[in-house]
mmCIF file of all heavy atoms, coordinates in Angstrom:
data_MODEL
# 
_entry.id   MODEL 
# 
loop_
_atom_site.group_PDB 
_atom_site.id 
_atom_site.type_symbol 
_atom_site.label_atom_id 
_atom_site.label_alt_id 
_atom_site.label_comp_id 
_atom_site.label_asym_id 
_atom_site.label_entity_id 
_atom_site.label_seq_id 
_atom_site.pdbx_PDB_ins_code 
_atom_site.Cartn_x 
_atom_site.Cartn_y 
_atom_site.Cartn_z 
_atom_site.occupancy 
_atom_site.B_iso_or_equiv 
_atom_site.pdbx_formal_charge 
_atom_site.auth_seq_id 
_atom_site.auth_comp_id 
_atom_site.auth_asym_id 
_atom_site.auth_atom_id 
_atom_site.pdbx_PDB_model_num 
ATOM 1   N N   . LEU A 1 1  ? 90.412  90.668  90.619  1.00 0.00 ? 1  LEU A N   1 
ATOM 2   C CA  . LEU A 1 1  ? 90.973  92.046  90.816  1.00 0.00 ? 1  LEU A CA  1 
ATOM 3   C C   . LEU A 1 1  ? 92.256  92.159  89.896  1.00 0.00 ? 1  LEU A C   1 
ATOM 4   O O   . LEU A 1 1  ? 92.443  93.197  89.249  1.00 0.00 ? 1  LEU A O   1 
ATOM 5   C CB  . LEU A 1 1  ? 91.242  92.317  92.277  1.00 0.00 ? 1  LEU A CB  1 
ATOM 6   C CG  . LEU A 1 1  ? 90.063  92.611  93.238  1.00 0.00 ? 1  LEU A CG  1 
ATOM 7   C CD1 . LEU A 1 1  ? 90.628  92.669  94.571  1.00 0.00 ? 1  LEU A CD1 1 
ATOM 8   C CD2 . LEU A 1 1  ? 89.433  93.882  92.809  1.00 0.00 ? 1  LEU A CD2 1 
ATOM 9   N N   . GLU A 1 2  ? 93.043  91.062  89.933  1.00 0.00 ? 2  GLU A N   1 
ATOM 10  C CA  . GLU A 1 2  ? 94.305  91.077  89.027  1.00 0.00 ? 2  GLU A CA  1 
ATOM 11  C C   . GLU A 1 2  ? 93.894  91.189  87.607  1.00 0.00 ? 2  GLU A C   1 
ATOM 12  O O   . GLU A 1 2  ? 94.496  91.986  86.853  1.00 0.00 ? 2  GLU A O   1 
ATOM 13  C CB  . GLU A 1 2  ? 95.109  89.910  89.422  1.00 0.00 ? 2  GLU A CB  1 
ATOM 14  C CG  . GLU A 1 2  ? 96.388  89.865  88.673  1.00 0.00 ? 2  GLU A CG  1 
ATOM 15  C CD  . GLU A 1 2  ? 97.215  88.560  88.937  1.00 0.00 ? 2  GLU A CD  1 
ATOM 16  O OE1 . GLU A 1 2  ? 96.647  87.858  89.679  1.00 0.00 ? 2  GLU A OE1 1 
ATOM 17  O OE2 . GLU A 1 2  ? 98.252  88.458  88.358  1.00 0.00 ? 2  GLU A OE2 1 
ATOM 18  N N   . LYS A 1 3  ? 92.906  90.311  87.171  1.00 0.00 ? 3  LYS A N   1 
ATOM 19  C CA  . LYS A 1 3  ? 92.527  90.318  85.842  1.00 0.00 ? 3  LYS A CA  1 
ATOM 20  C C   . LYS A 1 3  ? 91.994  91.607  85.425  1.00 0.00 ? 3  LYS A C   1 
ATOM 21  O O   . LYS A 1 3  ? 92.326  92.261  84.252  1.00 0.00 ? 3  LYS A O   1 
ATOM 22  C CB  . LYS A 1 3  ? 91.567  89.244  85.495  1.00 0.00 ? 3  LYS A CB  1 
ATOM 23  C CG  . LYS A 1 3  ? 92.031  87.798  85.835  1.00 0.00 ? 3  LYS A CG  1 
ATOM 24  C CD  . LYS A 1 3  ? 92.807  87.433  84.619  1.00 0.00 ? 3  LYS A CD  1 
ATOM 25  C CE  . LYS A 1 3  ? 91.840  86.799  83.519  1.00 0.00 ? 3  LYS A CE  1 
ATOM 26  N NZ  . LYS A 1 3  ? 92.696  86.230  82.312  1.00 0.00 ? 3  LYS A NZ  1 
ATOM 27  N N   . PHE A 1 4  ? 91.124  92.294  86.224  1.00 0.00 ? 4  PHE A N   1 
ATOM 28  C CA  . PHE A 1 4  ? 90.558  93.552  85.863  1.00 0.00 ? 4  PHE A CA  1 
ATOM 29  C C   . PHE A 1 4  ? 91.649  94.618  85.774  1.00 0.00 ? 4  PHE A C   1 
ATOM 30  O O   . PHE A 1 4  ? 91.596  95.624  85.034  1.00 0.00 ? 4  PHE A O   1 
ATOM 31  C CB  . PHE A 1 4  ? 89.525  93.978  86.796  1.00 0.00 ? 4  PHE A CB  1 
ATOM 32  C CG  . PHE A 1 4  ? 88.143  93.180  86.552  1.00 0.00 ? 4  PHE A CG  1 
ATOM 33  C CD1 . PHE A 1 4  ? 87.440  92.483  87.503  1.00 0.00 ? 4  PHE A CD1 1 
ATOM 34  C CD2 . PHE A 1 4  ? 87.578  93.286  85.291  1.00 0.00 ? 4  PHE A CD2 1 
ATOM 35  C CE1 . PHE A 1 4  ? 86.402  91.793  87.186  1.00 0.00 ? 4  PHE A CE1 1 
ATOM 36  C CE2 . PHE A 1 4  ? 86.378  92.654  85.110  1.00 0.00 ? 4  PHE A CE2 1 
ATOM 37  C CZ  . PHE A 1 4  ? 85.861  91.840  85.934  1.00 0.00 ? 4  PHE A CZ  1 
ATOM 38  N N   . ALA A 1 5  ? 92.615  94.559  86.802  1.00 0.00 ? 5  ALA A N   1 
ATOM 39  C CA  . ALA A 1 5  ? 93.673  95.539  86.762  1.00 0.00 ? 5  ALA A CA  1 
ATOM 40  C C   . ALA A 1 5  ? 94.448  95.502  85.475  1.00 0.00 ? 5  ALA A C   1 
ATOM 41  O O   . ALA A 1 5  ? 94.846  96.557  84.840  1.00 0.00 ? 5  ALA A O   1 
ATOM 42  C CB  . ALA A 1 5  ? 94.603  95.353  87.925  1.00 0.00 ? 5  ALA A CB  1 
ATOM 43  N N   . ARG A 1 6  ? 94.590  94.334  84.965  1.00 0.00 ? 6  ARG A N   1 
ATOM 44  C CA  . ARG A 1 6  ? 95.338  94.231  83.564  1.00 0.00 ? 6  ARG A CA  1 
ATOM 45  C C   . ARG A 1 6  ? 94.442  94.775  82.427  1.00 0.00 ? 6  ARG A C   1 
ATOM 46  O O   . ARG A 1 6  ? 94.912  95.340  81.646  1.00 0.00 ? 6  ARG A O   1 
ATOM 47  C CB  . ARG A 1 6  ? 95.634  92.726  83.351  1.00 0.00 ? 6  ARG A CB  1 
ATOM 48  C CG  . ARG A 1 6  ? 96.661  92.097  84.318  1.00 0.00 ? 6  ARG A CG  1 
ATOM 49  C CD  . ARG A 1 6  ? 96.886  90.613  83.958  1.00 0.00 ? 6  ARG A CD  1 
ATOM 50  N NE  . ARG A 1 6  ? 97.967  90.083  84.820  1.00 0.00 ? 6  ARG A NE  1 
ATOM 51  C CZ  . ARG A 1 6  ? 98.259  88.844  84.856  1.00 0.00 ? 6  ARG A CZ  1 
ATOM 52  N NH1 . ARG A 1 6  ? 97.616  87.928  84.157  1.00 0.00 ? 6  ARG A NH1 1 
ATOM 53  N NH2 . ARG A 1 6  ? 99.338  88.356  85.616  1.00 0.00 ? 6  ARG A NH2 1 
ATOM 54  N N   . ALA A 1 7  ? 93.148  94.570  82.547  1.00 0.00 ? 7  ALA A N   1 
ATOM 55  C CA  . ALA A 1 7  ? 92.242  94.954  81.512  1.00 0.00 ? 7  ALA A CA  1 
ATOM 56  C C   . ALA A 1 7  ? 92.205  96.400  81.471  1.00 0.00 ? 7  ALA A C   1 
ATOM 57  O O   . ALA A 1 7  ? 92.009  97.021  80.466  1.00 0.00 ? 7  ALA A O   1 
ATOM 58  C CB  . ALA A 1 7  ? 90.857  94.347  81.693  1.00 0.00 ? 7  ALA A CB  1 
ATOM 59  N N   . GLU A 1 8  ? 92.292  97.139  82.677  1.00 0.00 ? 8  GLU A N   1 
ATOM 60  C CA  . GLU A 1 8  ? 92.052  98.509  82.689  1.00 0.00 ? 8  GLU A CA  1 
ATOM 61  C C   . GLU A 1 8  ? 93.399  99.262  82.392  1.00 0.00 ? 8  GLU A C   1 
ATOM 62  O O   . GLU A 1 8  ? 93.472  100.477 82.387  1.00 0.00 ? 8  GLU A O   1 
ATOM 63  C CB  . GLU A 1 8  ? 91.584  98.871  84.073  1.00 0.00 ? 8  GLU A CB  1 
ATOM 64  C CG  . GLU A 1 8  ? 90.020  98.494  84.280  1.00 0.00 ? 8  GLU A CG  1 
ATOM 65  C CD  . GLU A 1 8  ? 89.500  99.162  85.510  1.00 0.00 ? 8  GLU A CD  1 
ATOM 66  O OE1 . GLU A 1 8  ? 89.791  100.345 85.888  1.00 0.00 ? 8  GLU A OE1 1 
ATOM 67  O OE2 . GLU A 1 8  ? 88.802  98.416  86.300  1.00 0.00 ? 8  GLU A OE2 1 
ATOM 68  N N   . GLY A 1 9  ? 94.539  98.503  82.378  1.00 0.00 ? 9  GLY A N   1 
ATOM 69  C CA  . GLY A 1 9  ? 95.831  99.190  82.043  1.00 0.00 ? 9  GLY A CA  1 
ATOM 70  C C   . GLY A 1 9  ? 96.183  100.159 83.287  1.00 0.00 ? 9  GLY A C   1 
ATOM 71  O O   . GLY A 1 9  ? 96.149  99.716  84.400  1.00 0.00 ? 9  GLY A O   1 
ATOM 72  N N   . LYS A 1 10 ? 96.620  101.286 82.912  1.00 0.00 ? 10 LYS A N   1 
ATOM 73  C CA  . LYS A 1 10 ? 97.161  102.279 83.893  1.00 0.00 ? 10 LYS A CA  1 
ATOM 74  C C   . LYS A 1 10 ? 96.177  102.499 85.005  1.00 0.00 ? 10 LYS A C   1 
ATOM 75  O O   . LYS A 1 10 ? 96.563  102.545 86.255  1.00 0.00 ? 10 LYS A O   1 
ATOM 76  C CB  . LYS A 1 10 ? 97.564  103.575 83.295  1.00 0.00 ? 10 LYS A CB  1 
ATOM 77  C CG  . LYS A 1 10 ? 98.235  104.671 84.129  1.00 0.00 ? 10 LYS A CG  1 
ATOM 78  C CD  . LYS A 1 10 ? 98.647  105.794 83.464  1.00 0.00 ? 10 LYS A CD  1 
ATOM 79  C CE  . LYS A 1 10 ? 99.385  106.694 84.463  1.00 0.00 ? 10 LYS A CE  1 
ATOM 80  N NZ  . LYS A 1 10 ? 99.802  107.970 83.756  1.00 0.00 ? 10 LYS A NZ  1 
ATOM 81  N N   . ARG A 1 11 ? 94.831  102.640 84.760  1.00 0.00 ? 11 ARG A N   1 
ATOM 82  C CA  . ARG A 1 11 ? 93.911  102.922 85.786  1.00 0.00 ? 11 ARG A CA  1 
ATOM 83  C C   . ARG A 1 11 ? 93.767  101.639 86.826  1.00 0.00 ? 11 ARG A C   1 
ATOM 84  O O   . ARG A 1 11 ? 93.417  101.934 88.037  1.00 0.00 ? 11 ARG A O   1 
ATOM 85  C CB  . ARG A 1 11 ? 92.430  103.173 85.304  1.00 0.00 ? 11 ARG A CB  1 
ATOM 86  C CG  . ARG A 1 11 ? 92.393  104.584 84.541  1.00 0.00 ? 11 ARG A CG  1 
ATOM 87  C CD  . ARG A 1 11 ? 90.930  104.878 84.532  1.00 0.00 ? 11 ARG A CD  1 
ATOM 88  N NE  . ARG A 1 11 ? 90.222  105.046 85.718  1.00 0.00 ? 11 ARG A NE  1 
ATOM 89  C CZ  . ARG A 1 11 ? 89.376  104.239 86.384  1.00 0.00 ? 11 ARG A CZ  1 
ATOM 90  N NH1 . ARG A 1 11 ? 89.096  103.079 85.766  1.00 0.00 ? 11 ARG A NH1 1 
ATOM 91  N NH2 . ARG A 1 11 ? 88.856  104.375 87.437  1.00 0.00 ? 11 ARG A NH2 1 
ATOM 92  N N   . GLY A 1 12 ? 94.110  100.492 86.327  1.00 0.00 ? 12 GLY A N   1 
ATOM 93  C CA  . GLY A 1 12 ? 94.014  99.436  87.284  1.00 0.00 ? 12 GLY A CA  1 
ATOM 94  C C   . GLY A 1 12 ? 95.028  99.462  88.466  1.00 0.00 ? 12 GLY A C   1 
ATOM 95  O O   . GLY A 1 12 ? 94.775  98.948  89.498  1.00 0.00 ? 12 GLY A O   1 
ATOM 96  N N   . GLY A 1 13 ? 96.083  100.148 88.280  1.00 0.00 ? 13 GLY A N   1 
ATOM 97  C CA  . GLY A 1 13 ? 97.089  100.483 89.425  1.00 0.00 ? 13 GLY A CA  1 
ATOM 98  C C   . GLY A 1 13 ? 96.515  101.215 90.464  1.00 0.00 ? 13 GLY A C   1 
ATOM 99  O O   . GLY A 1 13 ? 97.046  101.289 91.588  1.00 0.00 ? 13 GLY A O   1 
ATOM 100 N N   . GLU A 1 14 ? 95.326  101.929 90.333  1.00 0.00 ? 14 GLU A N   1 
ATOM 101 C CA  . GLU A 1 14 ? 94.665  102.654 91.315  1.00 0.00 ? 14 GLU A CA  1 
ATOM 102 C C   . GLU A 1 14 ? 94.127  101.759 92.369  1.00 0.00 ? 14 GLU A C   1 
ATOM 103 O O   . GLU A 1 14 ? 93.878  102.177 93.530  1.00 0.00 ? 14 GLU A O   1 
ATOM 104 C CB  . GLU A 1 14 ? 93.618  103.604 90.819  1.00 0.00 ? 14 GLU A CB  1 
ATOM 105 C CG  . GLU A 1 14 ? 94.088  104.599 89.806  1.00 0.00 ? 14 GLU A CG  1 
ATOM 106 C CD  . GLU A 1 14 ? 92.974  105.445 89.160  1.00 0.00 ? 14 GLU A CD  1 
ATOM 107 O OE1 . GLU A 1 14 ? 91.778  105.177 89.676  1.00 0.00 ? 14 GLU A OE1 1 
ATOM 108 O OE2 . GLU A 1 14 ? 93.164  106.327 88.239  1.00 0.00 ? 14 GLU A OE2 1 
ATOM 109 N N   . PHE A 1 15 ? 93.748  100.520 92.034  1.00 0.00 ? 15 PHE A N   1 
ATOM 110 C CA  . PHE A 1 15 ? 93.196  99.620  93.055  1.00 0.00 ? 15 PHE A CA  1 
ATOM 111 C C   . PHE A 1 15 ? 93.970  98.337  93.339  1.00 0.00 ? 15 PHE A C   1 
ATOM 112 O O   . PHE A 1 15 ? 93.446  97.513  94.204  1.00 0.00 ? 15 PHE A O   1 
ATOM 113 C CB  . PHE A 1 15 ? 91.688  99.344  92.602  1.00 0.00 ? 15 PHE A CB  1 
ATOM 114 C CG  . PHE A 1 15 ? 91.526  98.534  91.329  1.00 0.00 ? 15 PHE A CG  1 
ATOM 115 C CD1 . PHE A 1 15 ? 91.701  97.121  91.427  1.00 0.00 ? 15 PHE A CD1 1 
ATOM 116 C CD2 . PHE A 1 15 ? 91.284  99.136  90.166  1.00 0.00 ? 15 PHE A CD2 1 
ATOM 117 C CE1 . PHE A 1 15 ? 91.545  96.455  90.268  1.00 0.00 ? 15 PHE A CE1 1 
ATOM 118 C CE2 . PHE A 1 15 ? 91.065  98.416  88.967  1.00 0.00 ? 15 PHE A CE2 1 
ATOM 119 C CZ  . PHE A 1 15 ? 91.290  97.061  89.175  1.00 0.00 ? 15 PHE A CZ  1 
ATOM 120 N N   . TYR A 1 16 ? 94.982  98.093  92.492  1.00 0.00 ? 16 TYR A N   1 
ATOM 121 C CA  . TYR A 1 16 ? 95.611  96.745  92.670  1.00 0.00 ? 16 TYR A CA  1 
ATOM 122 C C   . TYR A 1 16 ? 97.150  96.916  92.739  1.00 0.00 ? 16 TYR A C   1 
ATOM 123 O O   . TYR A 1 16 ? 97.750  97.452  91.987  1.00 0.00 ? 16 TYR A O   1 
ATOM 124 C CB  . TYR A 1 16 ? 95.194  95.849  91.401  1.00 0.00 ? 16 TYR A CB  1 
ATOM 125 C CG  . TYR A 1 16 ? 95.851  94.464  91.490  1.00 0.00 ? 16 TYR A CG  1 
ATOM 126 C CD1 . TYR A 1 16 ? 95.237  93.431  92.379  1.00 0.00 ? 16 TYR A CD1 1 
ATOM 127 C CD2 . TYR A 1 16 ? 96.959  94.224  90.830  1.00 0.00 ? 16 TYR A CD2 1 
ATOM 128 C CE1 . TYR A 1 16 ? 95.698  92.256  92.413  1.00 0.00 ? 16 TYR A CE1 1 
ATOM 129 C CE2 . TYR A 1 16 ? 97.409  92.849  91.023  1.00 0.00 ? 16 TYR A CE2 1 
ATOM 130 C CZ  . TYR A 1 16 ? 96.762  91.974  91.790  1.00 0.00 ? 16 TYR A CZ  1 
ATOM 131 O OH  . TYR A 1 16 ? 97.405  90.639  91.849  1.00 0.00 ? 16 TYR A OH  1 
ATOM 132 N N   . THR A 1 17 ? 97.688  96.247  93.824  1.00 0.00 ? 17 THR A N   1 
ATOM 133 C CA  . THR A 1 17 ? 99.138  96.161  93.872  1.00 0.00 ? 17 THR A CA  1 
ATOM 134 C C   . THR A 1 17 ? 99.577  94.665  93.620  1.00 0.00 ? 17 THR A C   1 
ATOM 135 O O   . THR A 1 17 ? 98.931  93.768  94.069  1.00 0.00 ? 17 THR A O   1 
ATOM 136 C CB  . THR A 1 17 ? 99.643  96.568  95.350  1.00 0.00 ? 17 THR A CB  1 
ATOM 137 O OG1 . THR A 1 17 ? 99.131  97.804  95.653  1.00 0.00 ? 17 THR A OG1 1 
ATOM 138 C CG2 . THR A 1 17 ? 101.147 96.458  95.444  1.00 0.00 ? 17 THR A CG2 1 
ATOM 139 N N   . PRO A 1 18 ? 100.478 94.352  92.866  1.00 0.00 ? 18 PRO A N   1 
ATOM 140 C CA  . PRO A 1 18 ? 100.924 92.929  92.479  1.00 0.00 ? 18 PRO A CA  1 
ATOM 141 C C   . PRO A 1 18 ? 101.107 92.201  93.696  1.00 0.00 ? 18 PRO A C   1 
ATOM 142 O O   . PRO A 1 18 ? 101.691 92.608  94.765  1.00 0.00 ? 18 PRO A O   1 
ATOM 143 C CB  . PRO A 1 18 ? 102.239 93.200  91.747  1.00 0.00 ? 18 PRO A CB  1 
ATOM 144 C CG  . PRO A 1 18 ? 102.155 94.565  91.108  1.00 0.00 ? 18 PRO A CG  1 
ATOM 145 C CD  . PRO A 1 18 ? 101.372 95.380  92.048  1.00 0.00 ? 18 PRO A CD  1 
ATOM 146 N N   . ALA A 1 19 ? 100.613 90.883  93.794  1.00 0.00 ? 19 ALA A N   1 
ATOM 147 C CA  . ALA A 1 19 ? 100.571 90.161  94.903  1.00 0.00 ? 19 ALA A CA  1 
ATOM 148 C C   . ALA A 1 19 ? 102.046 89.862  95.535  1.00 0.00 ? 19 ALA A C   1 
ATOM 149 O O   . ALA A 1 19 ? 102.296 89.880  96.780  1.00 0.00 ? 19 ALA A O   1 
ATOM 150 C CB  . ALA A 1 19 ? 99.957  88.771  94.679  1.00 0.00 ? 19 ALA A CB  1 
ATOM 151 N N   . SER A 1 20 ? 103.081 89.653  94.651  1.00 0.00 ? 20 SER A N   1 
ATOM 152 C CA  . SER A 1 20 ? 104.330 89.420  95.185  1.00 0.00 ? 20 SER A CA  1 
ATOM 153 C C   . SER A 1 20 ? 104.978 90.614  95.865  1.00 0.00 ? 20 SER A C   1 
ATOM 154 O O   . SER A 1 20 ? 105.732 90.412  96.758  1.00 0.00 ? 20 SER A O   1 
ATOM 155 C CB  . SER A 1 20 ? 105.287 88.931  94.120  1.00 0.00 ? 20 SER A CB  1 
ATOM 156 O OG  . SER A 1 20 ? 105.587 89.975  93.085  1.00 0.00 ? 20 SER A OG  1 
ATOM 157 N N   . VAL A 1 21 ? 104.600 91.852  95.422  1.00 0.00 ? 21 VAL A N   1 
ATOM 158 C CA  . VAL A 1 21 ? 105.024 93.073  96.155  1.00 0.00 ? 21 VAL A CA  1 
ATOM 159 C C   . VAL A 1 21 ? 104.350 93.156  97.529  1.00 0.00 ? 21 VAL A C   1 
ATOM 160 O O   . VAL A 1 21 ? 105.054 93.372  98.544  1.00 0.00 ? 21 VAL A O   1 
ATOM 161 C CB  . VAL A 1 21 ? 104.836 94.264  95.332  1.00 0.00 ? 21 VAL A CB  1 
ATOM 162 C CG1 . VAL A 1 21 ? 105.122 95.562  96.046  1.00 0.00 ? 21 VAL A CG1 1 
ATOM 163 C CG2 . VAL A 1 21 ? 105.440 94.170  93.929  1.00 0.00 ? 21 VAL A CG2 1 
ATOM 164 N N   . VAL A 1 22 ? 103.121 92.999  97.635  1.00 0.00 ? 22 VAL A N   1 
ATOM 165 C CA  . VAL A 1 22 ? 102.373 93.016  98.831  1.00 0.00 ? 22 VAL A CA  1 
ATOM 166 C C   . VAL A 1 22 ? 102.882 91.908  99.823  1.00 0.00 ? 22 VAL A C   1 
ATOM 167 O O   . VAL A 1 22 ? 103.234 92.214  101.042 1.00 0.00 ? 22 VAL A O   1 
ATOM 168 C CB  . VAL A 1 22 ? 100.846 92.642  98.736  1.00 0.00 ? 22 VAL A CB  1 
ATOM 169 C CG1 . VAL A 1 22 ? 100.089 92.680  100.016 1.00 0.00 ? 22 VAL A CG1 1 
ATOM 170 C CG2 . VAL A 1 22 ? 100.335 93.797  97.710  1.00 0.00 ? 22 VAL A CG2 1 
ATOM 171 N N   . LYS A 1 23 ? 103.196 90.683  99.349  1.00 0.00 ? 23 LYS A N   1 
ATOM 172 C CA  . LYS A 1 23 ? 103.758 89.683  100.165 1.00 0.00 ? 23 LYS A CA  1 
ATOM 173 C C   . LYS A 1 23 ? 105.136 89.982  100.710 1.00 0.00 ? 23 LYS A C   1 
ATOM 174 O O   . LYS A 1 23 ? 105.426 89.692  101.963 1.00 0.00 ? 23 LYS A O   1 
ATOM 175 C CB  . LYS A 1 23 ? 103.906 88.286  99.408  1.00 0.00 ? 23 LYS A CB  1 
ATOM 176 C CG  . LYS A 1 23 ? 102.586 87.760  99.040  1.00 0.00 ? 23 LYS A CG  1 
ATOM 177 C CD  . LYS A 1 23 ? 102.515 86.531  98.271  1.00 0.00 ? 23 LYS A CD  1 
ATOM 178 C CE  . LYS A 1 23 ? 101.214 85.889  97.996  1.00 0.00 ? 23 LYS A CE  1 
ATOM 179 N NZ  . LYS A 1 23 ? 101.274 84.741  96.958  1.00 0.00 ? 23 LYS A NZ  1 
ATOM 180 N N   . THR A 1 24 ? 105.847 90.578  99.970  1.00 0.00 ? 24 THR A N   1 
ATOM 181 C CA  . THR A 1 24 ? 107.271 91.177  100.399 1.00 0.00 ? 24 THR A CA  1 
ATOM 182 C C   . THR A 1 24 ? 107.123 92.180  101.600 1.00 0.00 ? 24 THR A C   1 
ATOM 183 O O   . THR A 1 24 ? 107.753 91.977  102.581 1.00 0.00 ? 24 THR A O   1 
ATOM 184 C CB  . THR A 1 24 ? 108.058 91.743  99.257  1.00 0.00 ? 24 THR A CB  1 
ATOM 185 O OG1 . THR A 1 24 ? 108.206 90.891  98.131  1.00 0.00 ? 24 THR A OG1 1 
ATOM 186 C CG2 . THR A 1 24 ? 109.447 92.199  99.749  1.00 0.00 ? 24 THR A CG2 1 
ATOM 187 N N   . LEU A 1 25 ? 106.171 93.066  101.436 1.00 0.00 ? 25 LEU A N   1 
ATOM 188 C CA  . LEU A 1 25 ? 105.964 94.086  102.498 1.00 0.00 ? 25 LEU A CA  1 
ATOM 189 C C   . LEU A 1 25 ? 105.575 93.430  103.800 1.00 0.00 ? 25 LEU A C   1 
ATOM 190 O O   . LEU A 1 25 ? 106.130 93.709  104.822 1.00 0.00 ? 25 LEU A O   1 
ATOM 191 C CB  . LEU A 1 25 ? 104.885 95.010  102.059 1.00 0.00 ? 25 LEU A CB  1 
ATOM 192 C CG  . LEU A 1 25 ? 105.248 96.139  100.953 1.00 0.00 ? 25 LEU A CG  1 
ATOM 193 C CD1 . LEU A 1 25 ? 103.952 96.824  100.523 1.00 0.00 ? 25 LEU A CD1 1 
ATOM 194 C CD2 . LEU A 1 25 ? 106.241 97.089  101.496 1.00 0.00 ? 25 LEU A CD2 1 
# 
């Protein structure tokens, strides 16, 4: 999911939140 989010660029943000941000929440 992380790799595909990077590959898709801006659209990848629609389905993926960086792991360190999620862990902080």
